[in-house]
Amino acid sequence: MMDKQVKDGGRRGRRMLPGVLLLACLCASASAQVYQWTDAKGTVHYGDTPPPQAASSQLKTPSQDGAGQDAALPYELARAVKASPVTLYTTTQSACAGCDQGRALLRARGVPYTEKTVNTDEDKELLRQLDARLELPLLVVGSRKVAGFQEAAWQAALTAAAYPRSAQLPSGYRYAAPEPAAPASPPATAPGKPYGVRNPAPPDEAAAQAAEQQPRRPAARDASPPTTAPARPPAGNAPPGFQF
């Protein structure tokens, strides 16, 4: 009788074991990041460990299309974007062949980037803080800066930041429109007035009446001709022009 109870208990324990193991796995994976990747045979895998480098893996990362939606980037590309984001500084104030060439290089390699335009004095001051030479285009990859379009130097900077050498962007990926390097600040206004409305200065009526009552004196005949002051040189604090 005792042997039969022991055998029955063993059978129930074996039937319950898969359910206990499944519950433990679910609890363990609830707090871990889940990775999805596809192997060379096309089999989809899920797990809490990063996929092999050779696998075609994807992570959810913010897109650059300005719509605030998420786009699935390949794992290697998403990791590079997170560790070393790319910013391209250009200008629309004058022709910049290097800006066009640099933009084309980034898109041909499939590198997500943010483009900043340098047109105003505020934009130039911000660019001066990054590179005192004011040379455009300026490529910033993480903490590394490359002034002027130099294809070999740009490719080396991207490779050092672990960006893939070939384009891996999804087919529906869209680049965001360029935006000013220094956002415009709202104009200063008087308290209680809407933007753009200024209080006109009151005229000095008393001074105007006193001037009218003063007798006019005839102009002296032997007055010497007025001398013109020499032209002053332009202010030295204006930022120099760009270098291309």
C-alpha atoms as a PDB file:
ATOM      1  CA  MET A   1       0.000   0.000   0.000  1.00  0.00           C
ATOM      2  CA  MET A   2       2.792   2.386   0.929  1.00  0.00           C
ATOM      3  CA  ASP A   3       4.666   1.628  -2.304  1.00  0.00           C
ATOM      4  CA  LYS A   4       1.558   2.449  -4.343  1.00  0.00           C
ATOM      5  CA  GLN A   5       1.164   5.868  -2.658  1.00  0.00           C
ATOM      6  CA  VAL A   6       4.801   6.672  -3.272  1.00  0.00           C
ATOM      7  CA  LYS A   7       4.463   5.748  -6.948  1.00  0.00           C
ATOM      8  CA  ASP A   8       1.284   7.845  -7.312  1.00  0.00           C
ATOM      9  CA  GLY A   9       2.995  10.816  -5.682  1.00  0.00           C
ATOM     10  CA  GLY A  10       5.958  10.460  -8.022  1.00  0.00           C
ATOM     11  CA  ARG A  11       3.687  10.469 -11.074  1.00  0.00           C
ATOM     12  CA  ARG A  12       1.869  13.630  -9.899  1.00  0.00           C
ATOM     13  CA  GLY A  13       5.196  15.320  -9.233  1.00  0.00           C
ATOM     14  CA  ARG A  14       6.433  14.515 -12.721  1.00  0.00           C
ATOM     15  CA  ARG A  15       3.200  15.849 -14.251  1.00  0.00           C
ATOM     16  CA  MET A  16       3.514  19.122 -12.303  1.00  0.00           C
ATOM     17  CA  LEU A  17       7.223  19.641 -13.048  1.00  0.00           C
ATOM     18  CA  PRO A  18       6.814  21.098 -16.601  1.00  0.00           C
ATOM     19  CA  GLY A  19       4.271  23.627 -15.338  1.00  0.00           C
ATOM     20  CA  VAL A  20       6.555  24.713 -12.496  1.00  0.00           C
ATOM     21  CA  LEU A  21       9.492  25.113 -14.851  1.00  0.00           C
ATOM     22  CA  LEU A  22       7.401  27.122 -17.330  1.00  0.00           C
ATOM     23  CA  LEU A  23       6.195  29.441 -14.547  1.00  0.00           C
ATOM     24  CA  ALA A  24       9.763  29.976 -13.382  1.00  0.00           C
ATOM     25  CA  CYS A  25      10.875  30.846 -16.900  1.00  0.00           C
ATOM     26  CA  LEU A  26       8.052  33.332 -17.338  1.00  0.00           C
ATOM     27  CA  CYS A  27       8.855  35.025 -14.029  1.00  0.00           C
ATOM     28  CA  ALA A  28      12.532  35.240 -14.910  1.00  0.00           C
ATOM     29  CA  SER A  29      11.904  36.682 -18.380  1.00  0.00           C
ATOM     30  CA  ALA A  30       9.353  39.249 -17.180  1.00  0.00           C
ATOM     31  CA  SER A  31      12.119  41.473 -15.791  1.00  0.00           C
ATOM     32  CA  ALA A  32      14.667  40.843 -18.603  1.00  0.00           C
ATOM     33  CA  GLN A  33      14.950  42.460 -22.022  1.00  0.00           C
ATOM     34  CA  VAL A  34      13.650  40.212 -24.794  1.00  0.00           C
ATOM     35  CA  TYR A  35      15.625  39.969 -28.028  1.00  0.00           C
ATOM     36  CA  GLN A  36      14.218  38.784 -31.344  1.00  0.00           C
ATOM     37  CA  TRP A  37      16.551  37.557 -34.053  1.00  0.00           C
ATOM     38  CA  THR A  38      16.576  35.324 -37.100  1.00  0.00           C
ATOM     39  CA  ASP A  39      19.304  32.810 -37.816  1.00  0.00           C
ATOM     40  CA  ALA A  40      20.760  31.858 -41.198  1.00  0.00           C
ATOM     41  CA  LYS A  41      18.073  29.192 -41.711  1.00  0.00           C
ATOM     42  CA  GLY A  42      15.261  31.741 -41.245  1.00  0.00           C
ATOM     43  CA  THR A  43      14.238  30.482 -37.788  1.00  0.00           C
ATOM     44  CA  VAL A  44      13.022  33.222 -35.421  1.00  0.00           C
ATOM     45  CA  HIS A  45      14.472  33.083 -31.897  1.00  0.00           C
ATOM     46  CA  TYR A  46      13.486  34.863 -28.680  1.00  0.00           C
ATOM     47  CA  GLY A  47      15.684  35.205 -25.616  1.00  0.00           C
ATOM     48  CA  ASP A  48      17.081  37.458 -22.896  1.00  0.00           C
ATOM     49  CA  THR A  49      20.655  37.418 -24.272  1.00  0.00           C
ATOM     50  CA  PRO A  50      21.930  39.494 -27.212  1.00  0.00           C
ATOM     51  CA  PRO A  51      21.865  37.580 -30.506  1.00  0.00           C
ATOM     52  CA  PRO A  52      25.039  36.473 -32.306  1.00  0.00           C
ATOM     53  CA  GLN A  53      26.700  39.082 -34.489  1.00  0.00           C
ATOM     54  CA  ALA A  54      26.034  37.055 -37.633  1.00  0.00           C
ATOM     55  CA  ALA A  55      22.296  36.918 -36.988  1.00  0.00           C
ATOM     56  CA  SER A  56      19.817  39.319 -38.572  1.00  0.00           C
ATOM     57  CA  SER A  57      18.600  40.976 -35.359  1.00  0.00           C
ATOM     58  CA  GLN A  58      16.427  43.986 -34.670  1.00  0.00           C
ATOM     59  CA  LEU A  59      15.943  46.355 -31.748  1.00  0.00           C
ATOM     60  CA  LYS A  60      13.274  49.024 -31.301  1.00  0.00           C
ATOM     61  CA  THR A  61      14.825  52.494 -31.474  1.00  0.00           C
ATOM     62  CA  PRO A  62      13.416  55.985 -32.090  1.00  0.00           C
ATOM     63  CA  SER A  63      13.137  56.855 -35.771  1.00  0.00           C
ATOM     64  CA  GLN A  64      14.533  59.992 -37.442  1.00  0.00           C
ATOM     65  CA  ASP A  65      11.422  60.786 -39.479  1.00  0.00           C
ATOM     66  CA  GLY A  66      10.116  63.425 -37.070  1.00  0.00           C
ATOM     67  CA  ALA A  67       6.814  61.573 -36.615  1.00  0.00           C
ATOM     68  CA  GLY A  68       7.650  60.292 -33.135  1.00  0.00           C
ATOM     69  CA  GLN A  69       7.072  56.679 -34.169  1.00  0.00           C
ATOM     70  CA  ASP A  70       9.388  53.742 -33.601  1.00  0.00           C
ATOM     71  CA  ALA A  71      11.297  52.112 -36.433  1.00  0.00           C
ATOM     72  CA  ALA A  72      13.037  48.772 -36.179  1.00  0.00           C
ATOM     73  CA  LEU A  73      16.751  49.178 -36.914  1.00  0.00           C
ATOM     74  CA  PRO A  74      19.149  46.259 -37.228  1.00  0.00           C
ATOM     75  CA  TYR A  75      20.825  45.442 -33.935  1.00  0.00           C
ATOM     76  CA  GLU A  76      24.329  46.525 -34.983  1.00  0.00           C
ATOM     77  CA  LEU A  77      23.090  49.859 -36.383  1.00  0.00           C
ATOM     78  CA  ALA A  78      20.837  50.584 -33.405  1.00  0.00           C
ATOM     79  CA  ARG A  79      23.725  50.001 -31.013  1.00  0.00           C
ATOM     80  CA  ALA A  80      25.966  52.420 -32.953  1.00  0.00           C
ATOM     81  CA  VAL A  81      23.252  55.123 -33.032  1.00  0.00           C
ATOM     82  CA  LYS A  82      22.767  54.864 -29.283  1.00  0.00           C
ATOM     83  CA  ALA A  83      26.491  54.939 -28.444  1.00  0.00           C
ATOM     84  CA  SER A  84      27.640  57.544 -31.023  1.00  0.00           C
ATOM     85  CA  PRO A  85      24.828  59.657 -32.529  1.00  0.00           C
ATOM     86  CA  VAL A  86      25.700  61.510 -35.735  1.00  0.00           C
ATOM     87  CA  THR A  87      25.049  65.243 -36.302  1.00  0.00           C
ATOM     88  CA  LEU A  88      25.775  67.030 -39.589  1.00  0.00           C
ATOM     89  CA  TYR A  89      26.221  70.830 -39.619  1.00  0.00           C
ATOM     90  CA  THR A  90      25.553  72.505 -42.986  1.00  0.00           C
ATOM     91  CA  THR A  91      24.445  75.879 -44.332  1.00  0.00           C
ATOM     92  CA  THR A  92      21.880  77.158 -46.817  1.00  0.00           C
ATOM     93  CA  GLN A  93      23.284  80.699 -46.845  1.00  0.00           C
ATOM     94  CA  SER A  94      25.603  79.986 -49.760  1.00  0.00           C
ATOM     95  CA  ALA A  95      26.560  77.147 -52.058  1.00  0.00           C
ATOM     96  CA  CYS A  96      28.261  74.345 -50.150  1.00  0.00           C
ATOM     97  CA  ALA A  97      29.346  71.450 -52.342  1.00  0.00           C
ATOM     98  CA  GLY A  98      30.935  69.684 -49.362  1.00  0.00           C
ATOM     99  CA  CYS A  99      27.612  69.761 -47.513  1.00  0.00           C
ATOM    100  CA  ASP A 100      25.906  67.997 -50.424  1.00  0.00           C
ATOM    101  CA  GLN A 101      28.699  65.437 -50.695  1.00  0.00           C
ATOM    102  CA  GLY A 102      28.680  64.716 -46.970  1.00  0.00           C
ATOM    103  CA  ARG A 103      24.908  64.301 -46.896  1.00  0.00           C
ATOM    104  CA  ALA A 104      25.086  61.911 -49.847  1.00  0.00           C
ATOM    105  CA  LEU A 105      27.817  59.847 -48.152  1.00  0.00           C
ATOM    106  CA  LEU A 106      25.806  59.386 -44.955  1.00  0.00           C
ATOM    107  CA  ARG A 107      22.703  58.336 -46.840  1.00  0.00           C
ATOM    108  CA  ALA A 108      24.581  55.982 -49.129  1.00  0.00           C
ATOM    109  CA  ARG A 109      26.073  54.244 -46.088  1.00  0.00           C
ATOM    110  CA  GLY A 110      22.685  54.178 -44.352  1.00  0.00           C
ATOM    111  CA  VAL A 111      23.694  56.254 -41.307  1.00  0.00           C
ATOM    112  CA  PRO A 112      20.847  57.905 -39.340  1.00  0.00           C
ATOM    113  CA  TYR A 113      21.819  61.504 -38.596  1.00  0.00           C
ATOM    114  CA  THR A 114      20.440  64.876 -37.476  1.00  0.00           C
ATOM    115  CA  GLU A 115      21.150  67.879 -39.718  1.00  0.00           C
ATOM    116  CA  LYS A 116      21.686  71.354 -38.230  1.00  0.00           C
ATOM    117  CA  THR A 117      21.846  74.458 -40.443  1.00  0.00           C
ATOM    118  CA  VAL A 118      24.205  77.346 -39.648  1.00  0.00           C
ATOM    119  CA  ASN A 119      22.861  80.611 -41.089  1.00  0.00           C
ATOM    120  CA  THR A 120      22.403  83.224 -38.326  1.00  0.00           C
ATOM    121  CA  ASP A 121      24.924  84.818 -35.976  1.00  0.00           C
ATOM    122  CA  GLU A 122      23.555  82.649 -33.160  1.00  0.00           C
ATOM    123  CA  ASP A 123      24.126  79.545 -35.274  1.00  0.00           C
ATOM    124  CA  LYS A 124      27.676  80.659 -36.042  1.00  0.00           C
ATOM    125  CA  GLU A 125      28.435  81.260 -32.373  1.00  0.00           C
ATOM    126  CA  LEU A 126      27.263  77.756 -31.533  1.00  0.00           C
ATOM    127  CA  LEU A 127      29.393  76.358 -34.367  1.00  0.00           C
ATOM    128  CA  ARG A 128      32.390  78.333 -33.091  1.00  0.00           C
ATOM    129  CA  GLN A 129      32.085  76.530 -29.751  1.00  0.00           C
ATOM    130  CA  LEU A 130      32.337  73.206 -31.580  1.00  0.00           C
ATOM    131  CA  ASP A 131      35.029  74.200 -34.076  1.00  0.00           C
ATOM    132  CA  ALA A 132      36.747  77.598 -33.964  1.00  0.00           C
ATOM    133  CA  ARG A 133      37.575  77.500 -37.688  1.00  0.00           C
ATOM    134  CA  LEU A 134      33.901  77.780 -38.721  1.00  0.00           C
ATOM    135  CA  GLU A 135      34.511  75.204 -41.425  1.00  0.00           C
ATOM    136  CA  LEU A 136      31.531  73.501 -43.033  1.00  0.00           C
ATOM    137  CA  PRO A 137      30.350  70.851 -43.303  1.00  0.00           C
ATOM    138  CA  LEU A 138      31.099  69.635 -39.788  1.00  0.00           C
ATOM    139  CA  LEU A 139      30.526  65.979 -38.936  1.00  0.00           C
ATOM    140  CA  VAL A 140      30.097  65.017 -35.280  1.00  0.00           C
ATOM    141  CA  VAL A 141      30.141  61.289 -34.483  1.00  0.00           C
ATOM    142  CA  GLY A 142      29.710  60.874 -30.748  1.00  0.00           C
ATOM    143  CA  SER A 143      32.594  62.937 -29.311  1.00  0.00           C
ATOM    144  CA  ARG A 144      34.621  62.955 -32.542  1.00  0.00           C
ATOM    145  CA  LYS A 145      34.531  65.963 -34.909  1.00  0.00           C
ATOM    146  CA  VAL A 146      35.671  66.143 -38.548  1.00  0.00           C
ATOM    147  CA  ALA A 147      35.644  69.633 -40.133  1.00  0.00           C
ATOM    148  CA  GLY A 148      35.243  69.898 -43.878  1.00  0.00           C
ATOM    149  CA  PHE A 149      34.267  67.092 -46.211  1.00  0.00           C
ATOM    150  CA  GLN A 150      37.009  64.469 -46.234  1.00  0.00           C
ATOM    151  CA  GLU A 151      35.632  61.170 -47.451  1.00  0.00           C
ATOM    152  CA  ALA A 152      38.384  59.003 -45.960  1.00  0.00           C
ATOM    153  CA  ALA A 153      38.216  60.765 -42.571  1.00  0.00           C
ATOM    154  CA  TRP A 154      34.410  60.559 -42.479  1.00  0.00           C
ATOM    155  CA  GLN A 155      34.420  56.865 -43.334  1.00  0.00           C
ATOM    156  CA  ALA A 156      37.053  56.217 -40.660  1.00  0.00           C
ATOM    157  CA  ALA A 157      35.054  58.086 -38.008  1.00  0.00           C
ATOM    158  CA  LEU A 158      31.913  56.088 -38.805  1.00  0.00           C
ATOM    159  CA  THR A 159      33.790  52.791 -38.825  1.00  0.00           C
ATOM    160  CA  ALA A 160      35.446  53.588 -35.488  1.00  0.00           C
ATOM    161  CA  ALA A 161      31.949  54.168 -34.054  1.00  0.00           C
ATOM    162  CA  ALA A 162      30.902  50.660 -35.241  1.00  0.00           C
ATOM    163  CA  TYR A 163      28.523  51.847 -37.966  1.00  0.00           C
ATOM    164  CA  PRO A 164      27.940  49.145 -40.614  1.00  0.00           C
ATOM    165  CA  ARG A 165      29.863  49.659 -43.828  1.00  0.00           C
ATOM    166  CA  SER A 166      26.811  48.917 -45.971  1.00  0.00           C
ATOM    167  CA  ALA A 167      23.310  50.388 -45.732  1.00  0.00           C
ATOM    168  CA  GLN A 168      20.964  48.472 -43.415  1.00  0.00           C
ATOM    169  CA  LEU A 169      18.146  50.984 -42.949  1.00  0.00           C
ATOM    170  CA  PRO A 170      14.547  49.726 -43.239  1.00  0.00           C
ATOM    171  CA  SER A 171      12.843  50.443 -46.554  1.00  0.00           C
ATOM    172  CA  GLY A 172      10.369  52.888 -44.990  1.00  0.00           C
ATOM    173  CA  TYR A 173      12.969  54.947 -43.108  1.00  0.00           C
ATOM    174  CA  ARG A 174      12.776  58.738 -43.598  1.00  0.00           C
ATOM    175  CA  TYR A 175      15.315  61.349 -42.578  1.00  0.00           C
ATOM    176  CA  ALA A 176      14.132  64.367 -40.601  1.00  0.00           C
ATOM    177  CA  ALA A 177      14.154  67.844 -42.158  1.00  0.00           C
ATOM    178  CA  PRO A 178      17.118  70.093 -41.233  1.00  0.00           C
ATOM    179  CA  GLU A 179      16.632  72.501 -38.337  1.00  0.00           C
ATOM    180  CA  PRO A 180      18.580  75.589 -37.152  1.00  0.00           C
ATOM    181  CA  ALA A 181      21.595  74.891 -34.975  1.00  0.00           C
ATOM    182  CA  ALA A 182      20.492  77.568 -32.480  1.00  0.00           C
ATOM    183  CA  PRO A 183      16.693  77.709 -32.010  1.00  0.00           C
ATOM    184  CA  ALA A 184      15.279  81.246 -32.284  1.00  0.00           C
ATOM    185  CA  SER A 185      14.283  82.852 -28.992  1.00  0.00           C
ATOM    186  CA  PRO A 186      10.968  84.803 -28.701  1.00  0.00           C
ATOM    187  CA  PRO A 187      11.287  88.622 -28.951  1.00  0.00           C
ATOM    188  CA  ALA A 188      11.367  90.661 -25.761  1.00  0.00           C
ATOM    189  CA  THR A 189       8.098  92.510 -25.034  1.00  0.00           C
ATOM    190  CA  ALA A 190       6.783  94.879 -22.393  1.00  0.00           C
ATOM    191  CA  PRO A 191       4.852  93.351 -19.473  1.00  0.00           C
ATOM    192  CA  GLY A 192       1.185  92.852 -20.262  1.00  0.00           C
ATOM    193  CA  LYS A 193       1.661  93.270 -24.020  1.00  0.00           C
ATOM    194  CA  PRO A 194       1.438  90.511 -26.638  1.00  0.00           C
ATOM    195  CA  TYR A 195       4.512  89.461 -28.601  1.00  0.00           C
ATOM    196  CA  GLY A 196       5.693  92.061 -31.126  1.00  0.00           C
ATOM    197  CA  VAL A 197       3.806  95.075 -29.582  1.00  0.00           C
ATOM    198  CA  ARG A 198       5.969  97.854 -28.191  1.00  0.00           C
ATOM    199  CA  ASN A 199       4.985 100.900 -26.137  1.00  0.00           C
ATOM    200  CA  PRO A 200       5.602 104.086 -28.207  1.00  0.00           C
ATOM    201  CA  ALA A 201       7.729 106.717 -26.483  1.00  0.00           C
ATOM    202  CA  PRO A 202       5.653 109.812 -25.482  1.00  0.00           C
ATOM    203  CA  PRO A 203       6.718 113.007 -27.318  1.00  0.00           C
ATOM    204  CA  ASP A 204       8.363 115.750 -25.305  1.00  0.00           C
ATOM    205  CA  GLU A 205       5.759 118.483 -25.915  1.00  0.00           C
ATOM    206  CA  ALA A 206       7.314 121.001 -23.532  1.00  0.00           C
ATOM    207  CA  ALA A 207      10.714 120.814 -25.245  1.00  0.00           C
ATOM    208  CA  ALA A 208       9.084 121.180 -28.659  1.00  0.00           C
ATOM    209  CA  GLN A 209       7.163 124.335 -27.607  1.00  0.00           C
ATOM    210  CA  ALA A 210      10.259 125.912 -26.042  1.00  0.00           C
ATOM    211  CA  ALA A 211      12.217 125.361 -29.242  1.00  0.00           C
ATOM    212  CA  GLU A 212       9.524 127.074 -31.321  1.00  0.00           C
ATOM    213  CA  GLN A 213       9.540 130.166 -29.044  1.00  0.00           C
ATOM    214  CA  GLN A 214      13.306 130.665 -29.374  1.00  0.00           C
ATOM    215  CA  PRO A 215      14.182 133.444 -31.927  1.00  0.00           C
ATOM    216  CA  ARG A 216      15.962 132.146 -34.929  1.00  0.00           C
ATOM    217  CA  ARG A 217      19.447 133.498 -35.523  1.00  0.00           C
ATOM    218  CA  PRO A 218      20.720 134.127 -39.034  1.00  0.00           C
ATOM    219  CA  ALA A 219      23.396 131.790 -40.150  1.00  0.00           C
ATOM    220  CA  ALA A 220      26.915 133.242 -40.180  1.00  0.00           C
ATOM    221  CA  ARG A 221      28.295 133.904 -43.649  1.00  0.00           C
ATOM    222  CA  ASP A 222      31.844 133.014 -42.774  1.00  0.00           C
ATOM    223  CA  ALA A 223      30.936 129.681 -41.290  1.00  0.00           C
ATOM    224  CA  SER A 224      33.423 127.076 -42.281  1.00  0.00           C
ATOM    225  CA  PRO A 225      32.091 124.131 -44.283  1.00  0.00           C
ATOM    226  CA  PRO A 226      31.199 121.149 -42.205  1.00  0.00           C
ATOM    227  CA  THR A 227      33.856 118.531 -41.919  1.00  0.00           C
ATOM    228  CA  THR A 228      33.017 114.912 -42.390  1.00  0.00           C
ATOM    229  CA  ALA A 229      34.245 112.450 -39.818  1.00  0.00           C
ATOM    230  CA  PRO A 230      36.359 109.589 -41.187  1.00  0.00           C
ATOM    231  CA  ALA A 231      34.466 106.343 -41.668  1.00  0.00           C
ATOM    232  CA  ARG A 232      34.866 103.961 -38.785  1.00  0.00           C
ATOM    233  CA  PRO A 233      36.094 100.452 -39.479  1.00  0.00           C
ATOM    234  CA  PRO A 234      33.492  97.711 -39.038  1.00  0.00           C
ATOM    235  CA  ALA A 235      33.071  96.175 -35.624  1.00  0.00           C
ATOM    236  CA  GLY A 236      35.641  93.496 -34.914  1.00  0.00           C
ATOM    237  CA  ASN A 237      33.233  91.147 -33.163  1.00  0.00           C
ATOM    238  CA  ALA A 238      31.412  90.082 -36.324  1.00  0.00           C
ATOM    239  CA  PRO A 239      32.013  86.388 -37.045  1.00  0.00           C
ATOM    240  CA  PRO A 240      34.178  85.628 -40.067  1.00  0.00           C
ATOM    241  CA  GLY A 241      32.840  83.910 -43.119  1.00  0.00           C
ATOM    242  CA  PHE A 242      32.600  80.173 -43.544  1.00  0.00           C
ATOM    243  CA  GLN A 243      35.336  77.992 -44.902  1.00  0.00           C
ATOM    244  CA  PHE A 244      34.435  75.256 -47.366  1.00  0.00           C
END
